[in-house]
Amino acid sequence: MPPRRRLNTERLHAGIAWVLRWLVCQRHGLNVAWLAREAPVGDQSLRDYLDFKHPEGWHTESRVALVLGYFPDELERLTRRWMRKYRHREQRRHAGEKDWRLRFPWEQDPPVEKPPGFQPLRPSERQQKTRQSDPG
């Protein structure tokens, strides 16, 4: 049996922060102040988390995930799956290149703003999603 590779928790934390940033800002088009109020987490804490200044905040991540309709472990599985697919796609794309090293979008200079392969909601779908989540 081949030895198992250790989980790079630093990359996983950054990956979750990046996926959450994309879900919050791009897919759902949510206001960070509203999300911080709903979560409830501090507004500046959430902004720092989404800007990768504090990517190890499990508490922030779990509360935001619940507001977005994900259990924290579901969000982690989604992120791990996306990271695995991204790694395989990049390995195929750079096959045969010497000195190539995997760099996730948040590690690139300048950082990529949204995950490749993710499709944002159209404005009408976003409004419908917002109406469904409104309790009133």
C-alpha atoms as a PDB file:
ATOM      1  CA  MET A   1       0.000   0.000   0.000  1.00  0.00           C
ATOM      2  CA  PRO A   2       1.501   3.382  -0.996  1.00  0.00           C
ATOM      3  CA  PRO A   3       2.074   5.903   1.794  1.00  0.00           C
ATOM      4  CA  ARG A   4      -0.701   8.443   2.196  1.00  0.00           C
ATOM      5  CA  ARG A   5       0.143  12.070   1.672  1.00  0.00           C
ATOM      6  CA  ARG A   6      -0.490  14.393   4.561  1.00  0.00           C
ATOM      7  CA  LEU A   7      -3.252  16.948   4.208  1.00  0.00           C
ATOM      8  CA  ASN A   8      -1.891  20.433   3.705  1.00  0.00           C
ATOM      9  CA  THR A   9      -4.244  22.216   6.091  1.00  0.00           C
ATOM     10  CA  GLU A  10      -2.922  25.650   5.167  1.00  0.00           C
ATOM     11  CA  ARG A  11      -3.950  25.097   1.547  1.00  0.00           C
ATOM     12  CA  LEU A  12      -7.286  23.623   2.625  1.00  0.00           C
ATOM     13  CA  HIS A  13      -8.046  26.678   4.792  1.00  0.00           C
ATOM     14  CA  ALA A  14      -7.144  29.004   1.918  1.00  0.00           C
ATOM     15  CA  GLY A  15      -9.208  26.882  -0.495  1.00  0.00           C
ATOM     16  CA  ILE A  16     -12.281  27.063   1.708  1.00  0.00           C
ATOM     17  CA  ALA A  17     -11.858  30.824   2.096  1.00  0.00           C
ATOM     18  CA  TRP A  18     -11.506  31.173  -1.681  1.00  0.00           C
ATOM     19  CA  VAL A  19     -14.567  29.033  -2.454  1.00  0.00           C
ATOM     20  CA  LEU A  20     -16.605  30.920   0.156  1.00  0.00           C
ATOM     21  CA  ARG A  21     -15.469  34.219  -1.323  1.00  0.00           C
ATOM     22  CA  TRP A  22     -16.614  33.077  -4.734  1.00  0.00           C
ATOM     23  CA  LEU A  23     -19.956  31.777  -3.393  1.00  0.00           C
ATOM     24  CA  VAL A  24     -20.632  34.966  -1.428  1.00  0.00           C
ATOM     25  CA  CYS A  25     -19.503  37.579  -3.929  1.00  0.00           C
ATOM     26  CA  GLN A  26     -19.908  35.985  -7.347  1.00  0.00           C
ATOM     27  CA  ARG A  27     -22.561  33.300  -7.223  1.00  0.00           C
ATOM     28  CA  HIS A  28     -24.996  34.693  -4.679  1.00  0.00           C
ATOM     29  CA  GLY A  29     -24.031  38.366  -4.970  1.00  0.00           C
ATOM     30  CA  LEU A  30     -24.461  38.885  -1.243  1.00  0.00           C
ATOM     31  CA  ASN A  31     -23.517  41.969   0.711  1.00  0.00           C
ATOM     32  CA  VAL A  32     -20.739  41.150   3.190  1.00  0.00           C
ATOM     33  CA  ALA A  33     -22.282  43.373   5.889  1.00  0.00           C
ATOM     34  CA  TRP A  34     -25.621  41.528   5.585  1.00  0.00           C
ATOM     35  CA  LEU A  35     -23.879  38.158   5.667  1.00  0.00           C
ATOM     36  CA  ALA A  36     -21.858  39.121   8.753  1.00  0.00           C
ATOM     37  CA  ARG A  37     -25.077  40.150  10.491  1.00  0.00           C
ATOM     38  CA  GLU A  38     -26.836  36.899   9.541  1.00  0.00           C
ATOM     39  CA  ALA A  39     -23.916  34.611  10.447  1.00  0.00           C
ATOM     40  CA  PRO A  40     -23.364  36.302  13.191  1.00  0.00           C
ATOM     41  CA  VAL A  41     -19.678  37.145  12.891  1.00  0.00           C
ATOM     42  CA  GLY A  42     -17.903  40.459  12.977  1.00  0.00           C
ATOM     43  CA  ASP A  43     -18.018  42.432   9.755  1.00  0.00           C
ATOM     44  CA  GLN A  44     -14.253  43.023   9.754  1.00  0.00           C
ATOM     45  CA  SER A  45     -13.578  39.372  10.676  1.00  0.00           C
ATOM     46  CA  LEU A  46     -15.576  38.226   7.658  1.00  0.00           C
ATOM     47  CA  ARG A  47     -13.864  40.728   5.352  1.00  0.00           C
ATOM     48  CA  ASP A  48     -10.441  39.605   6.616  1.00  0.00           C
ATOM     49  CA  TYR A  49     -11.402  35.958   6.132  1.00  0.00           C
ATOM     50  CA  LEU A  50     -12.594  36.524   2.559  1.00  0.00           C
ATOM     51  CA  ASP A  51      -9.451  38.570   1.775  1.00  0.00           C
ATOM     52  CA  PHE A  52      -7.189  35.702   3.021  1.00  0.00           C
ATOM     53  CA  LYS A  53      -5.788  37.765   5.868  1.00  0.00           C
ATOM     54  CA  HIS A  54      -7.093  35.214   8.336  1.00  0.00           C
ATOM     55  CA  PRO A  55      -7.854  32.002   6.383  1.00  0.00           C
ATOM     56  CA  GLU A  56      -7.699  29.650   9.365  1.00  0.00           C
ATOM     57  CA  GLY A  57     -10.952  30.907  10.908  1.00  0.00           C
ATOM     58  CA  TRP A  58     -12.995  27.695  11.187  1.00  0.00           C
ATOM     59  CA  HIS A  59     -15.569  29.489  13.310  1.00  0.00           C
ATOM     60  CA  THR A  60     -16.174  32.147  10.655  1.00  0.00           C
ATOM     61  CA  GLU A  61     -16.202  29.561   7.865  1.00  0.00           C
ATOM     62  CA  SER A  62     -18.751  27.313   9.570  1.00  0.00           C
ATOM     63  CA  ARG A  63     -21.179  30.135  10.371  1.00  0.00           C
ATOM     64  CA  VAL A  64     -21.022  31.578   6.847  1.00  0.00           C
ATOM     65  CA  ALA A  65     -21.448  28.105   5.340  1.00  0.00           C
ATOM     66  CA  LEU A  66     -24.626  27.563   7.361  1.00  0.00           C
ATOM     67  CA  VAL A  67     -26.078  30.887   6.204  1.00  0.00           C
ATOM     68  CA  LEU A  68     -25.330  29.886   2.584  1.00  0.00           C
ATOM     69  CA  GLY A  69     -27.115  26.571   3.100  1.00  0.00           C
ATOM     70  CA  TYR A  70     -24.102  24.260   3.460  1.00  0.00           C
ATOM     71  CA  PHE A  71     -23.023  22.220   6.440  1.00  0.00           C
ATOM     72  CA  PRO A  72     -19.359  22.998   7.175  1.00  0.00           C
ATOM     73  CA  ASP A  73     -18.278  19.449   6.317  1.00  0.00           C
ATOM     74  CA  GLU A  74     -20.152  19.683   2.985  1.00  0.00           C
ATOM     75  CA  LEU A  75     -18.274  22.872   2.173  1.00  0.00           C
ATOM     76  CA  GLU A  76     -14.978  21.191   3.055  1.00  0.00           C
ATOM     77  CA  ARG A  77     -15.809  18.216   0.794  1.00  0.00           C
ATOM     78  CA  LEU A  78     -16.832  20.583  -2.012  1.00  0.00           C
ATOM     79  CA  THR A  79     -13.549  22.481  -1.629  1.00  0.00           C
ATOM     80  CA  ARG A  80     -11.432  19.307  -1.512  1.00  0.00           C
ATOM     81  CA  ARG A  81     -13.186  17.970  -4.588  1.00  0.00           C
ATOM     82  CA  TRP A  82     -12.663  21.236  -6.462  1.00  0.00           C
ATOM     83  CA  MET A  83      -8.990  21.330  -5.416  1.00  0.00           C
ATOM     84  CA  ARG A  84      -8.490  17.730  -6.614  1.00  0.00           C
ATOM     85  CA  LYS A  85     -10.139  18.452  -9.981  1.00  0.00           C
ATOM     86  CA  TYR A  86      -8.131  21.670 -10.353  1.00  0.00           C
ATOM     87  CA  ARG A  87      -4.887  19.802  -9.582  1.00  0.00           C
ATOM     88  CA  HIS A  88      -5.657  17.084 -12.176  1.00  0.00           C
ATOM     89  CA  ARG A  89      -6.635  19.654 -14.800  1.00  0.00           C
ATOM     90  CA  GLU A  90      -3.459  21.670 -14.233  1.00  0.00           C
ATOM     91  CA  GLN A  91      -1.279  18.534 -14.257  1.00  0.00           C
ATOM     92  CA  ARG A  92      -2.695  17.571 -17.656  1.00  0.00           C
ATOM     93  CA  ARG A  93      -2.291  21.123 -18.943  1.00  0.00           C
ATOM     94  CA  HIS A  94       1.352  21.346 -17.851  1.00  0.00           C
ATOM     95  CA  ALA A  95       2.362  17.755 -18.601  1.00  0.00           C
ATOM     96  CA  GLY A  96       5.973  17.559 -19.693  1.00  0.00           C
ATOM     97  CA  GLU A  97       6.919  21.014 -18.446  1.00  0.00           C
ATOM     98  CA  LYS A  98      10.039  20.993 -16.329  1.00  0.00           C
ATOM     99  CA  ASP A  99      10.025  23.011 -13.118  1.00  0.00           C
ATOM    100  CA  TRP A 100       6.232  23.232 -13.108  1.00  0.00           C
ATOM    101  CA  ARG A 101       4.713  23.473  -9.650  1.00  0.00           C
ATOM    102  CA  LEU A 102       1.032  23.493  -8.782  1.00  0.00           C
ATOM    103  CA  ARG A 103      -0.229  26.912  -7.781  1.00  0.00           C
ATOM    104  CA  PHE A 104      -3.839  27.328  -6.812  1.00  0.00           C
ATOM    105  CA  PRO A 105      -5.645  30.515  -7.937  1.00  0.00           C
ATOM    106  CA  TRP A 106      -5.178  32.286  -4.599  1.00  0.00           C
ATOM    107  CA  GLU A 107      -1.419  31.579  -4.803  1.00  0.00           C
ATOM    108  CA  GLN A 108      -1.042  33.078  -8.264  1.00  0.00           C
ATOM    109  CA  ASP A 109       0.132  36.586  -8.938  1.00  0.00           C
ATOM    110  CA  PRO A 110      -2.296  38.312  -9.503  1.00  0.00           C
ATOM    111  CA  PRO A 111      -4.838  36.012  -7.831  1.00  0.00           C
ATOM    112  CA  VAL A 112      -7.608  34.644 -10.042  1.00  0.00           C
ATOM    113  CA  GLU A 113     -10.987  36.048  -9.041  1.00  0.00           C
ATOM    114  CA  LYS A 114     -13.284  33.080  -9.644  1.00  0.00           C
ATOM    115  CA  PRO A 115     -12.920  29.336  -9.973  1.00  0.00           C
ATOM    116  CA  PRO A 116     -12.712  28.075 -13.553  1.00  0.00           C
ATOM    117  CA  GLY A 117     -15.729  25.931 -14.325  1.00  0.00           C
ATOM    118  CA  PHE A 118     -18.074  27.711 -11.902  1.00  0.00           C
ATOM    119  CA  GLN A 119     -21.026  29.431 -13.565  1.00  0.00           C
ATOM    120  CA  PRO A 120     -22.489  32.485 -11.810  1.00  0.00           C
ATOM    121  CA  LEU A 121     -26.230  32.803 -11.462  1.00  0.00           C
ATOM    122  CA  ARG A 122     -27.978  35.046 -13.947  1.00  0.00           C
ATOM    123  CA  PRO A 123     -29.548  38.150 -12.343  1.00  0.00           C
ATOM    124  CA  SER A 124     -33.073  36.688 -12.530  1.00  0.00           C
ATOM    125  CA  GLU A 125     -31.925  33.481 -10.780  1.00  0.00           C
ATOM    126  CA  ARG A 126     -30.100  35.525  -8.132  1.00  0.00           C
ATOM    127  CA  GLN A 127     -33.273  37.526  -7.392  1.00  0.00           C
ATOM    128  CA  GLN A 128     -35.313  34.327  -7.207  1.00  0.00           C
ATOM    129  CA  LYS A 129     -32.755  32.765  -4.834  1.00  0.00           C
ATOM    130  CA  THR A 130     -32.837  35.898  -2.644  1.00  0.00           C
ATOM    131  CA  ARG A 131     -36.652  35.854  -2.533  1.00  0.00           C
ATOM    132  CA  GLN A 132     -36.633  32.178  -1.505  1.00  0.00           C
ATOM    133  CA  SER A 133     -34.194  32.857   1.345  1.00  0.00           C
ATOM    134  CA  ASP A 134     -36.137  35.922   2.630  1.00  0.00           C
ATOM    135  CA  PRO A 135     -38.285  34.908   5.613  1.00  0.00           C
ATOM    136  CA  GLY A 136     -40.804  37.724   5.006  1.00  0.00           C
END
